[in-house]
């Protein structure tokens, strides 16, 4: 949490700060590669959009 992510797709281009993250409706602080997580986004994200972590 606290990371900045970018969600990109054919009609999507969002930058967002991860404020909360959930696995199976339980709040978690971090996840590992391959985990299926949920995060709150401010706009519509679609199934095939790509998510990347932005690094300063």
C-alpha atoms as a PDB file:
ATOM      1  CA  UNK A   1       0.000   0.000   0.000  1.00  0.00           C
ATOM      2  CA  UNK A   2       1.140   3.535  -0.671  1.00  0.00           C
ATOM      3  CA  UNK A   3       2.471   2.581  -4.112  1.00  0.00           C
ATOM      4  CA  UNK A   4       1.494   4.463  -7.236  1.00  0.00           C
ATOM      5  CA  UNK A   5       0.089   2.273 -10.010  1.00  0.00           C
ATOM      6  CA  UNK A   6      -0.875   2.949 -13.598  1.00  0.00           C
ATOM      7  CA  UNK A   7      -3.754   1.120 -15.253  1.00  0.00           C
ATOM      8  CA  UNK A   8      -3.564   1.099 -19.049  1.00  0.00           C
ATOM      9  CA  UNK A   9      -5.884  -0.279 -21.679  1.00  0.00           C
ATOM     10  CA  UNK A  10      -7.470   0.484 -25.023  1.00  0.00           C
ATOM     11  CA  UNK A  11      -9.712   3.174 -23.486  1.00  0.00           C
ATOM     12  CA  UNK A  12      -8.170   3.364 -19.991  1.00  0.00           C
ATOM     13  CA  UNK A  13      -5.223   5.375 -18.678  1.00  0.00           C
ATOM     14  CA  UNK A  14      -5.306   5.929 -14.899  1.00  0.00           C
ATOM     15  CA  UNK A  15      -2.671   6.792 -12.321  1.00  0.00           C
ATOM     16  CA  UNK A  16      -3.654   5.991  -8.765  1.00  0.00           C
ATOM     17  CA  UNK A  17      -2.293   5.735  -5.248  1.00  0.00           C
ATOM     18  CA  UNK A  18      -3.094   2.374  -3.629  1.00  0.00           C
ATOM     19  CA  UNK A  19      -4.908   3.242  -0.404  1.00  0.00           C
ATOM     20  CA  UNK A  20      -6.434  -0.152   0.376  1.00  0.00           C
ATOM     21  CA  UNK A  21      -5.974  -3.688  -0.875  1.00  0.00           C
ATOM     22  CA  UNK A  22      -8.096  -6.806  -0.300  1.00  0.00           C
ATOM     23  CA  UNK A  23      -7.756 -10.549  -0.841  1.00  0.00           C
ATOM     24  CA  UNK A  24     -11.019 -12.512  -0.483  1.00  0.00           C
ATOM     25  CA  UNK A  25     -12.675  -9.466   1.185  1.00  0.00           C
ATOM     26  CA  UNK A  26      -9.949  -9.309   3.863  1.00  0.00           C
ATOM     27  CA  UNK A  27      -7.765  -6.214   4.087  1.00  0.00           C
ATOM     28  CA  UNK A  28      -4.037  -6.915   3.531  1.00  0.00           C
ATOM     29  CA  UNK A  29      -0.906  -4.758   3.660  1.00  0.00           C
ATOM     30  CA  UNK A  30       1.000  -6.469   0.814  1.00  0.00           C
ATOM     31  CA  UNK A  31       0.643  -9.174  -1.819  1.00  0.00           C
ATOM     32  CA  UNK A  32       3.016 -11.297  -3.876  1.00  0.00           C
ATOM     33  CA  UNK A  33       3.167 -11.941  -7.588  1.00  0.00           C
ATOM     34  CA  UNK A  34       0.259 -14.131  -8.657  1.00  0.00           C
ATOM     35  CA  UNK A  35      -2.123 -13.077  -5.866  1.00  0.00           C
ATOM     36  CA  UNK A  36      -5.576 -12.002  -7.017  1.00  0.00           C
ATOM     37  CA  UNK A  37      -6.258  -8.716  -5.240  1.00  0.00           C
ATOM     38  CA  UNK A  38      -8.825  -5.955  -5.259  1.00  0.00           C
ATOM     39  CA  UNK A  39      -8.052  -2.241  -5.057  1.00  0.00           C
ATOM     40  CA  UNK A  40     -10.328   0.785  -5.132  1.00  0.00           C
ATOM     41  CA  UNK A  41     -10.043   2.811  -8.349  1.00  0.00           C
ATOM     42  CA  UNK A  42     -11.501   6.225  -9.133  1.00  0.00           C
ATOM     43  CA  UNK A  43     -12.630   5.408 -12.673  1.00  0.00           C
ATOM     44  CA  UNK A  44     -13.642   2.384 -14.739  1.00  0.00           C
ATOM     45  CA  UNK A  45     -11.005  -0.333 -15.182  1.00  0.00           C
ATOM     46  CA  UNK A  46     -11.611  -3.253 -17.503  1.00  0.00           C
ATOM     47  CA  UNK A  47     -10.707  -6.934 -17.292  1.00  0.00           C
ATOM     48  CA  UNK A  48      -7.868  -6.886 -19.871  1.00  0.00           C
ATOM     49  CA  UNK A  49      -6.262  -3.624 -18.699  1.00  0.00           C
ATOM     50  CA  UNK A  50      -2.620  -3.856 -17.615  1.00  0.00           C
ATOM     51  CA  UNK A  51      -1.482  -2.670 -14.197  1.00  0.00           C
ATOM     52  CA  UNK A  52       2.094  -1.511 -13.599  1.00  0.00           C
ATOM     53  CA  UNK A  53       3.783  -0.179 -10.473  1.00  0.00           C
ATOM     54  CA  UNK A  54       5.365   3.251 -10.989  1.00  0.00           C
ATOM     55  CA  UNK A  55       8.837   3.617  -9.470  1.00  0.00           C
ATOM     56  CA  UNK A  56      10.483   6.964  -8.793  1.00  0.00           C
END
